[in-house]
PDB file of all heavy atoms in Angstrom:
ATOM      1  N   HIS A   1       0.829  -1.201   0.000  1.00  0.00           N
ATOM      2  CA  HIS A   1       0.000   0.000   0.000  1.00  0.00           C
ATOM      3  C   HIS A   1       0.865   1.254   0.000  1.00  0.00           C
ATOM      4  O   HIS A   1       0.575   2.217  -0.705  1.00  0.00           O
ATOM      5  CB  HIS A   1      -0.937   0.010   1.205  1.00  0.00           C
ATOM      6  CG  HIS A   1      -1.727   1.271   1.327  1.00  0.00           C
ATOM      7  ND1 HIS A   1      -1.284   2.348   2.050  1.00  0.00           N
ATOM      8  CD2 HIS A   1      -2.913   1.631   0.796  1.00  0.00           C
ATOM      9  CE1 HIS A   1      -2.164   3.325   1.959  1.00  0.00           C
ATOM     10  NE2 HIS A   1      -3.164   2.921   1.220  1.00  0.00           N
ATOM     11  N   ASP A   2       1.933   1.248   0.791  1.00  0.00           N
ATOM     12  CA  ASP A   2       2.827   2.405   0.860  1.00  0.00           C
ATOM     13  C   ASP A   2       3.498   2.651  -0.483  1.00  0.00           C
ATOM     14  O   ASP A   2       3.622   3.792  -0.929  1.00  0.00           O
ATOM     15  CB  ASP A   2       3.892   2.212   1.939  1.00  0.00           C
ATOM     16  CG  ASP A   2       3.303   2.141   3.334  1.00  0.00           C
ATOM     17  OD1 ASP A   2       2.198   2.680   3.556  1.00  0.00           O
ATOM     18  OD2 ASP A   2       3.957   1.538   4.204  1.00  0.00           O
ATOM     19  N   LYS A   3       3.926   1.585  -1.129  1.00  0.00           N
ATOM     20  CA  LYS A   3       4.570   1.716  -2.446  1.00  0.00           C
ATOM     21  C   LYS A   3       3.579   2.276  -3.460  1.00  0.00           C
ATOM     22  O   LYS A   3       3.903   3.192  -4.214  1.00  0.00           O
ATOM     23  CB  LYS A   3       5.109   0.380  -2.918  1.00  0.00           C
ATOM     24  CG  LYS A   3       5.798   0.446  -4.264  1.00  0.00           C
ATOM     25  CD  LYS A   3       6.358  -0.900  -4.684  1.00  0.00           C
ATOM     26  CE  LYS A   3       7.071  -0.796  -6.020  1.00  0.00           C
ATOM     27  NZ  LYS A   3       7.630  -2.086  -6.431  1.00  0.00           N
ATOM     28  N   GLU A   4       2.363   1.736  -3.459  1.00  0.00           N
ATOM     29  CA  GLU A   4       1.338   2.221  -4.381  1.00  0.00           C
ATOM     30  C   GLU A   4       1.038   3.697  -4.136  1.00  0.00           C
ATOM     31  O   GLU A   4       0.876   4.471  -5.084  1.00  0.00           O
ATOM     32  CB  GLU A   4       0.070   1.389  -4.255  1.00  0.00           C
ATOM     33  CG  GLU A   4       0.227  -0.022  -4.787  1.00  0.00           C
ATOM     34  CD  GLU A   4      -0.955  -0.919  -4.475  1.00  0.00           C
ATOM     35  OE1 GLU A   4      -1.891  -0.485  -3.764  1.00  0.00           O
ATOM     36  OE2 GLU A   4      -0.933  -2.069  -4.935  1.00  0.00           O
ATOM     37  N   MET A   5       0.986   4.091  -2.866  1.00  0.00           N
ATOM     38  CA  MET A   5       0.735   5.493  -2.515  1.00  0.00           C
ATOM     39  C   MET A   5       1.870   6.375  -3.023  1.00  0.00           C
ATOM     40  O   MET A   5       1.632   7.427  -3.622  1.00  0.00           O
ATOM     41  CB  MET A   5       0.578   5.649  -1.005  1.00  0.00           C
ATOM     42  CG  MET A   5       0.402   7.095  -0.563  1.00  0.00           C
ATOM     43  SD  MET A   5      -1.130   7.850  -1.110  1.00  0.00           S
ATOM     44  CE  MET A   5      -2.258   7.113   0.035  1.00  0.00           C
ATOM     45  N   ALA A   6       3.105   5.947  -2.791  1.00  0.00           N
ATOM     46  CA  ALA A   6       4.267   6.725  -3.244  1.00  0.00           C
ATOM     47  C   ALA A   6       4.259   6.863  -4.762  1.00  0.00           C
ATOM     48  O   ALA A   6       4.481   7.962  -5.296  1.00  0.00           O
ATOM     49  CB  ALA A   6       5.564   6.074  -2.774  1.00  0.00           C
ATOM     50  N   LEU A   7       3.995   5.777  -5.466  1.00  0.00           N
ATOM     51  CA  LEU A   7       3.956   5.831  -6.928  1.00  0.00           C
ATOM     52  C   LEU A   7       2.826   6.736  -7.414  1.00  0.00           C
ATOM     53  O   LEU A   7       2.998   7.488  -8.384  1.00  0.00           O
ATOM     54  CB  LEU A   7       3.804   4.421  -7.506  1.00  0.00           C
ATOM     55  CG  LEU A   7       5.022   3.518  -7.350  1.00  0.00           C
ATOM     56  CD1 LEU A   7       4.678   2.085  -7.743  1.00  0.00           C
ATOM     57  CD2 LEU A   7       6.206   4.045  -8.162  1.00  0.00           C
ATOM     58  N   SER A   8       1.692   6.703  -6.735  1.00  0.00           N
ATOM     59  CA  SER A   8       0.556   7.549  -7.099  1.00  0.00           C
ATOM     60  C   SER A   8       0.893   9.027  -6.904  1.00  0.00           C
ATOM     61  O   SER A   8       0.593   9.864  -7.773  1.00  0.00           O
ATOM     62  CB  SER A   8      -0.668   7.163  -6.264  1.00  0.00           C
ATOM     63  OG  SER A   8      -1.733   8.027  -6.518  1.00  0.00           O
ATOM     64  N   VAL A   9       1.507   9.357  -5.777  1.00  0.00           N
ATOM     65  CA  VAL A   9       1.876  10.750  -5.502  1.00  0.00           C
ATOM     66  C   VAL A   9       2.902  11.239  -6.523  1.00  0.00           C
ATOM     67  O   VAL A   9       2.791  12.352  -7.050  1.00  0.00           O
ATOM     68  CB  VAL A   9       2.424  10.892  -4.060  1.00  0.00           C
ATOM     69  CG1 VAL A   9       3.077  12.235  -3.841  1.00  0.00           C
ATOM     70  CG2 VAL A   9       1.310  10.668  -3.054  1.00  0.00           C
ATOM     71  N   LEU A  10       3.892  10.403  -6.818  1.00  0.00           N
ATOM     72  CA  LEU A  10       4.904  10.795  -7.801  1.00  0.00           C
ATOM     73  C   LEU A  10       4.285  10.961  -9.189  1.00  0.00           C
ATOM     74  O   LEU A  10       4.603  11.916  -9.907  1.00  0.00           O
ATOM     75  CB  LEU A  10       6.040   9.777  -7.829  1.00  0.00           C
ATOM     76  CG  LEU A  10       6.927   9.777  -6.593  1.00  0.00           C
ATOM     77  CD1 LEU A  10       7.806   8.537  -6.549  1.00  0.00           C
ATOM     78  CD2 LEU A  10       7.775  11.041  -6.538  1.00  0.00           C
ATOM     79  N   ALA A  11       3.397  10.061  -9.562  1.00  0.00           N
ATOM     80  CA  ALA A  11       2.734  10.167 -10.868  1.00  0.00           C
ATOM     81  C   ALA A  11       1.905  11.449 -10.947  1.00  0.00           C
ATOM     82  O   ALA A  11       1.917  12.144 -11.972  1.00  0.00           O
ATOM     83  CB  ALA A  11       1.857   8.943 -11.116  1.00  0.00           C
ATOM     84  N   ALA A  12       1.205  11.779  -9.868  1.00  0.00           N
ATOM     85  CA  ALA A  12       0.401  13.002  -9.842  1.00  0.00           C
ATOM     86  C   ALA A  12       1.272  14.238  -9.982  1.00  0.00           C
ATOM     87  O   ALA A  12       0.830  15.260 -10.509  1.00  0.00           O
ATOM     88  CB  ALA A  12      -0.418  13.070  -8.551  1.00  0.00           C
ATOM     89  N   ALA A  13       2.519  14.132  -9.528  1.00  0.00           N
ATOM     90  CA  ALA A  13       3.459  15.251  -9.647  1.00  0.00           C
ATOM     91  C   ALA A  13       4.182  15.238 -10.996  1.00  0.00           C
ATOM     92  O   ALA A  13       5.043  16.081 -11.249  1.00  0.00           O
ATOM     93  CB  ALA A  13       4.478  15.197  -8.507  1.00  0.00           C
ATOM     94  N   GLY A  14       3.834  14.269 -11.839  1.00  0.00           N
ATOM     95  CA  GLY A  14       4.438  14.202 -13.167  1.00  0.00           C
ATOM     96  C   GLY A  14       5.791  13.515 -13.200  1.00  0.00           C
ATOM     97  O   GLY A  14       6.520  13.643 -14.181  1.00  0.00           O
ATOM     98  N   VAL A  15       6.113  12.766 -12.153  1.00  0.00           N
ATOM     99  CA  VAL A  15       7.392  12.063 -12.094  1.00  0.00           C
ATOM    100  C   VAL A  15       7.183  10.628 -12.557  1.00  0.00           C
ATOM    101  O   VAL A  15       6.365   9.902 -12.005  1.00  0.00           O
ATOM    102  CB  VAL A  15       7.970  12.067 -10.655  1.00  0.00           C
ATOM    103  CG1 VAL A  15       9.275  11.295 -10.598  1.00  0.00           C
ATOM    104  CG2 VAL A  15       8.150  13.491 -10.169  1.00  0.00           C
ATOM    105  N   ARG A  16       7.928  10.245 -13.575  1.00  0.00           N
ATOM    106  CA  ARG A  16       7.851   8.874 -14.060  1.00  0.00           C
ATOM    107  C   ARG A  16       8.824   8.024 -13.266  1.00  0.00           C
ATOM    108  O   ARG A  16       9.965   8.414 -13.056  1.00  0.00           O
ATOM    109  CB  ARG A  16       8.166   8.804 -15.550  1.00  0.00           C
ATOM    110  CG  ARG A  16       7.137   9.538 -16.390  1.00  0.00           C
ATOM    111  CD  ARG A  16       7.371   9.421 -17.872  1.00  0.00           C
ATOM    112  NE  ARG A  16       8.778   9.577 -18.206  1.00  0.00           N
ATOM    113  CZ  ARG A  16       9.380   8.970 -19.227  1.00  0.00           C
ATOM    114  NH1 ARG A  16       8.701   8.160 -20.000  1.00  0.00           N
ATOM    115  NH2 ARG A  16      10.648   9.179 -19.470  1.00  0.00           N
ATOM    116  N   VAL A  17       8.364   6.852 -12.833  1.00  0.00           N
ATOM    117  CA  VAL A  17       9.192   5.962 -12.020  1.00  0.00           C
ATOM    118  C   VAL A  17       9.185   4.569 -12.633  1.00  0.00           C
ATOM    119  O   VAL A  17       8.135   4.028 -12.960  1.00  0.00           O
ATOM    120  CB  VAL A  17       8.663   5.881 -10.569  1.00  0.00           C
ATOM    121  CG1 VAL A  17       9.508   4.924  -9.738  1.00  0.00           C
ATOM    122  CG2 VAL A  17       8.641   7.262  -9.924  1.00  0.00           C
ATOM    123  N   SER A  18      10.381   4.011 -12.759  1.00  0.00           N
ATOM    124  CA  SER A  18      10.521   2.628 -13.185  1.00  0.00           C
ATOM    125  C   SER A  18      10.602   1.772 -11.926  1.00  0.00           C
ATOM    126  O   SER A  18      11.452   2.000 -11.075  1.00  0.00           O
ATOM    127  CB  SER A  18      11.795   2.446 -14.013  1.00  0.00           C
ATOM    128  OG  SER A  18      12.060   1.081 -14.203  1.00  0.00           O
ATOM    129  N   GLU A  19       9.715   0.787 -11.811  1.00  0.00           N
ATOM    130  CA  GLU A  19       9.727  -0.064 -10.624  1.00  0.00           C
ATOM    131  C   GLU A  19      10.868  -1.078 -10.665  1.00  0.00           C
ATOM    132  O   GLU A  19      11.275  -1.586  -9.626  1.00  0.00           O
ATOM    133  CB  GLU A  19       8.392  -0.777 -10.474  1.00  0.00           C
ATOM    134  CG  GLU A  19       7.260   0.182 -10.158  1.00  0.00           C
ATOM    135  CD  GLU A  19       5.964  -0.536  -9.890  1.00  0.00           C
ATOM    136  OE1 GLU A  19       5.956  -1.395  -8.986  1.00  0.00           O
ATOM    137  OE2 GLU A  19       4.984  -0.239 -10.586  1.00  0.00           O
ATOM    138  N   THR A  20      11.361  -1.379 -11.835  1.00  0.00           N
ATOM    139  CA  THR A  20      12.500  -2.288 -11.987  1.00  0.00           C
ATOM    140  C   THR A  20      13.448  -1.722 -13.026  1.00  0.00           C
ATOM    141  O   THR A  20      13.043  -1.033 -13.954  1.00  0.00           O
ATOM    142  CB  THR A  20      12.050  -3.692 -12.432  1.00  0.00           C
ATOM    143  OG1 THR A  20      11.367  -3.575 -13.681  1.00  0.00           O
ATOM    144  CG2 THR A  20      11.153  -4.334 -11.408  1.00  0.00           C
ATOM    145  N   GLY A  21      14.722  -1.973 -12.836  1.00  0.00           N
ATOM    146  CA  GLY A  21      15.706  -1.548 -13.825  1.00  0.00           C
ATOM    147  C   GLY A  21      16.037  -0.071 -13.763  1.00  0.00           C
ATOM    148  O   GLY A  21      15.828   0.597 -12.746  1.00  0.00           O
ATOM    149  N   GLN A  22      16.525   0.399 -14.885  1.00  0.00           N
ATOM    150  CA  GLN A  22      16.977   1.788 -14.967  1.00  0.00           C
ATOM    151  C   GLN A  22      15.815   2.763 -15.000  1.00  0.00           C
ATOM    152  O   GLN A  22      14.704   2.423 -15.377  1.00  0.00           O
ATOM    153  CB  GLN A  22      17.837   1.989 -16.209  1.00  0.00           C
ATOM    154  CG  GLN A  22      19.153   1.253 -16.165  1.00  0.00           C
ATOM    155  CD  GLN A  22      19.997   1.568 -17.382  1.00  0.00           C
ATOM    156  OE1 GLN A  22      19.481   1.844 -18.456  1.00  0.00           O
ATOM    157  NE2 GLN A  22      21.308   1.528 -17.199  1.00  0.00           N
ATOM    158  N   ALA A  23      16.128   3.992 -14.622  1.00  0.00           N
ATOM    159  CA  ALA A  23      15.130   5.060 -14.636  1.00  0.00           C
ATOM    160  C   ALA A  23      14.752   5.409 -16.070  1.00  0.00           C
ATOM    161  O   ALA A  23      15.597   5.392 -16.962  1.00  0.00           O
ATOM    162  CB  ALA A  23      15.682   6.293 -13.934  1.00  0.00           C
ATOM    163  N   PRO A  24      13.486   5.724 -16.292  1.00  0.00           N
ATOM    164  CA  PRO A  24      13.077   6.197 -17.611  1.00  0.00           C
ATOM    165  C   PRO A  24      13.684   7.585 -17.871  1.00  0.00           C
ATOM    166  O   PRO A  24      14.079   8.282 -16.928  1.00  0.00           O
ATOM    167  CB  PRO A  24      11.557   6.269 -17.522  1.00  0.00           C
ATOM    168  CG  PRO A  24      11.256   6.384 -16.071  1.00  0.00           C
ATOM    169  CD  PRO A  24      12.374   5.702 -15.352  1.00  0.00           C
ATOM    170  N   GLU A  25      13.745   7.969 -19.090  1.00  0.00           N
ATOM    171  CA  GLU A  25      14.281   9.281 -19.463  1.00  0.00           C
ATOM    172  C   GLU A  25      13.555  10.368 -18.672  1.00  0.00           C
ATOM    173  O   GLU A  25      12.337  10.480 -18.714  1.00  0.00           O
ATOM    174  CB  GLU A  25      14.086   9.525 -20.961  1.00  0.00           C
ATOM    175  CG  GLU A  25      14.686  10.809 -21.458  1.00  0.00           C
ATOM    176  CD  GLU A  25      16.205  10.800 -21.473  1.00  0.00           C
ATOM    177  OE1 GLU A  25      16.789   9.722 -21.675  1.00  0.00           O
ATOM    178  OE2 GLU A  25      16.798  11.880 -21.282  1.00  0.00           O
ATOM    179  N   GLY A  26      14.322  11.140 -17.903  1.00  0.00           N
ATOM    180  CA  GLY A  26      13.755  12.227 -17.114  1.00  0.00           C
ATOM    181  C   GLY A  26      13.018  11.768 -15.863  1.00  0.00           C
ATOM    182  O   GLY A  26      12.378  12.575 -15.194  1.00  0.00           O
ATOM    183  N   GLY A  27      13.106  10.489 -15.534  1.00  0.00           N
ATOM    184  CA  GLY A  27      12.381   9.961 -14.372  1.00  0.00           C
ATOM    185  C   GLY A  27      13.322   9.382 -13.331  1.00  0.00           C
ATOM    186  O   GLY A  27      14.513   9.690 -13.294  1.00  0.00           O
ATOM    187  N   LEU A  28      12.770   8.535 -12.495  1.00  0.00           N
ATOM    188  CA  LEU A  28      13.518   7.939 -11.388  1.00  0.00           C
ATOM    189  C   LEU A  28      13.355   6.430 -11.372  1.00  0.00           C
ATOM    190  O   LEU A  28      12.310   5.914 -11.760  1.00  0.00           O
ATOM    191  CB  LEU A  28      13.002   8.485 -10.048  1.00  0.00           C
ATOM    192  CG  LEU A  28      13.088   9.988  -9.820  1.00  0.00           C
ATOM    193  CD1 LEU A  28      12.300  10.364  -8.569  1.00  0.00           C
ATOM    194  CD2 LEU A  28      14.537  10.407  -9.690  1.00  0.00           C
ATOM    195  N   ALA A  29      14.363   5.749 -10.880  1.00  0.00           N
ATOM    196  CA  ALA A  29      14.258   4.319 -10.620  1.00  0.00           C
ATOM    197  C   ALA A  29      13.725   4.141  -9.198  1.00  0.00           C
ATOM    198  O   ALA A  29      14.026   4.937  -8.299  1.00  0.00           O
ATOM    199  CB  ALA A  29      15.627   3.653 -10.760  1.00  0.00           C
ATOM    200  N   TRP A  30      12.909   3.087  -8.985  1.00  0.00           N
ATOM    201  CA  TRP A  30      12.309   2.855  -7.683  1.00  0.00           C
ATOM    202  C   TRP A  30      13.361   2.738  -6.585  1.00  0.00           C
ATOM    203  O   TRP A  30      13.167   3.246  -5.488  1.00  0.00           O
ATOM    204  CB  TRP A  30      11.424   1.614  -7.713  1.00  0.00           C
ATOM    205  CG  TRP A  30      10.807   1.342  -6.379  1.00  0.00           C
ATOM    206  CD1 TRP A  30      11.058   0.286  -5.555  1.00  0.00           C
ATOM    207  CD2 TRP A  30       9.867   2.162  -5.683  1.00  0.00           C
ATOM    208  NE1 TRP A  30      10.330   0.388  -4.399  1.00  0.00           N
ATOM    209  CE2 TRP A  30       9.581   1.536  -4.464  1.00  0.00           C
ATOM    210  CE3 TRP A  30       9.232   3.367  -5.972  1.00  0.00           C
ATOM    211  CZ2 TRP A  30       8.696   2.072  -3.529  1.00  0.00           C
ATOM    212  CZ3 TRP A  30       8.346   3.904  -5.043  1.00  0.00           C
ATOM    213  CH2 TRP A  30       8.090   3.260  -3.841  1.00  0.00           C
ATOM    214  N   ASP A  31      14.493   2.106  -6.859  1.00  0.00           N
ATOM    215  CA  ASP A  31      15.518   1.977  -5.817  1.00  0.00           C
ATOM    216  C   ASP A  31      16.060   3.342  -5.399  1.00  0.00           C
ATOM    217  O   ASP A  31      16.389   3.561  -4.230  1.00  0.00           O
ATOM    218  CB  ASP A  31      16.634   1.019  -6.213  1.00  0.00           C
ATOM    219  CG  ASP A  31      17.385   1.422  -7.466  1.00  0.00           C
ATOM    220  OD1 ASP A  31      16.900   2.281  -8.228  1.00  0.00           O
ATOM    221  OD2 ASP A  31      18.476   0.860  -7.693  1.00  0.00           O
ATOM    222  N   HIS A  32      16.102   4.296  -6.318  1.00  0.00           N
ATOM    223  CA  HIS A  32      16.529   5.658  -5.974  1.00  0.00           C
ATOM    224  C   HIS A  32      15.466   6.337  -5.102  1.00  0.00           C
ATOM    225  O   HIS A  32      15.796   7.020  -4.134  1.00  0.00           O
ATOM    226  CB  HIS A  32      16.776   6.481  -7.238  1.00  0.00           C
ATOM    227  CG  HIS A  32      17.125   7.901  -6.956  1.00  0.00           C
ATOM    228  ND1 HIS A  32      18.372   8.278  -6.521  1.00  0.00           N
ATOM    229  CD2 HIS A  32      16.380   9.033  -7.013  1.00  0.00           C
ATOM    230  CE1 HIS A  32      18.382   9.594  -6.326  1.00  0.00           C
ATOM    231  NE2 HIS A  32      17.181  10.073  -6.625  1.00  0.00           N
ATOM    232  N   VAL A  33      14.200   6.143  -5.443  1.00  0.00           N
ATOM    233  CA  VAL A  33      13.107   6.705  -4.640  1.00  0.00           C
ATOM    234  C   VAL A  33      13.186   6.164  -3.216  1.00  0.00           C
ATOM    235  O   VAL A  33      13.107   6.921  -2.240  1.00  0.00           O
ATOM    236  CB  VAL A  33      11.731   6.376  -5.269  1.00  0.00           C
ATOM    237  CG1 VAL A  33      10.585   6.786  -4.350  1.00  0.00           C
ATOM    238  CG2 VAL A  33      11.589   7.035  -6.636  1.00  0.00           C
ATOM    239  N   MET A  34      13.378   4.857  -3.072  1.00  0.00           N
ATOM    240  CA  MET A  34      13.458   4.228  -1.747  1.00  0.00           C
ATOM    241  C   MET A  34      14.673   4.739  -0.959  1.00  0.00           C
ATOM    242  O   MET A  34      14.566   5.026   0.231  1.00  0.00           O
ATOM    243  CB  MET A  34      13.541   2.708  -1.888  1.00  0.00           C
ATOM    244  CG  MET A  34      12.228   2.082  -2.278  1.00  0.00           C
ATOM    245  SD  MET A  34      10.966   2.267  -0.992  1.00  0.00           S
ATOM    246  CE  MET A  34      11.731   1.398   0.346  1.00  0.00           C
ATOM    247  N   ALA A  35      15.819   4.850  -1.616  1.00  0.00           N
ATOM    248  CA  ALA A  35      17.026   5.326  -0.932  1.00  0.00           C
ATOM    249  C   ALA A  35      16.851   6.769  -0.463  1.00  0.00           C
ATOM    250  O   ALA A  35      17.249   7.115   0.656  1.00  0.00           O
ATOM    251  CB  ALA A  35      18.239   5.200  -1.854  1.00  0.00           C
ATOM    252  N   THR A  36      16.236   7.598  -1.289  1.00  0.00           N
ATOM    253  CA  THR A  36      15.992   8.991  -0.920  1.00  0.00           C
ATOM    254  C   THR A  36      15.022   9.073   0.254  1.00  0.00           C
ATOM    255  O   THR A  36      15.243   9.835   1.203  1.00  0.00           O
ATOM    256  CB  THR A  36      15.441   9.779  -2.125  1.00  0.00           C
ATOM    257  OG1 THR A  36      16.397   9.721  -3.182  1.00  0.00           O
ATOM    258  CG2 THR A  36      15.169  11.229  -1.767  1.00  0.00           C
ATOM    259  N   ALA A  37      13.965   8.289   0.208  1.00  0.00           N
ATOM    260  CA  ALA A  37      12.987   8.279   1.303  1.00  0.00           C
ATOM    261  C   ALA A  37      13.649   7.828   2.603  1.00  0.00           C
ATOM    262  O   ALA A  37      13.437   8.439   3.659  1.00  0.00           O
ATOM    263  CB  ALA A  37      11.815   7.367   0.952  1.00  0.00           C
ATOM    264  N   GLN A  38      14.462   6.778   2.537  1.00  0.00           N
ATOM    265  CA  GLN A  38      15.122   6.280   3.742  1.00  0.00           C
ATOM    266  C   GLN A  38      16.072   7.328   4.314  1.00  0.00           C
ATOM    267  O   GLN A  38      16.123   7.537   5.530  1.00  0.00           O
ATOM    268  CB  GLN A  38      15.894   4.991   3.451  1.00  0.00           C
ATOM    269  CG  GLN A  38      16.481   4.361   4.695  1.00  0.00           C
ATOM    270  CD  GLN A  38      15.410   3.934   5.685  1.00  0.00           C
ATOM    271  OE1 GLN A  38      14.494   3.201   5.341  1.00  0.00           O
ATOM    272  NE2 GLN A  38      15.513   4.395   6.917  1.00  0.00           N
ATOM    273  N   HIS A  39      16.784   8.010   3.454  1.00  0.00           N
ATOM    274  CA  HIS A  39      17.703   9.063   3.898  1.00  0.00           C
ATOM    275  C   HIS A  39      16.935  10.176   4.610  1.00  0.00           C
ATOM    276  O   HIS A  39      17.349  10.658   5.667  1.00  0.00           O
ATOM    277  CB  HIS A  39      18.486   9.624   2.714  1.00  0.00           C
ATOM    278  CG  HIS A  39      19.319  10.806   3.045  1.00  0.00           C
ATOM    279  ND1 HIS A  39      20.493  10.719   3.758  1.00  0.00           N
ATOM    280  CD2 HIS A  39      19.129  12.118   2.792  1.00  0.00           C
ATOM    281  CE1 HIS A  39      20.993  11.925   3.923  1.00  0.00           C
ATOM    282  NE2 HIS A  39      20.180  12.802   3.343  1.00  0.00           N
TER     283      HIS A  39
END
């Protein structure tokens, strides 16, 4: 649920997130989102 919420908030802000692999052009990879949140 937390992951879905985070992805929803990021999508609403216009941020594209790849849940696996490399970040999409101009977006973020999920592991980067998680590392930033943990920090």
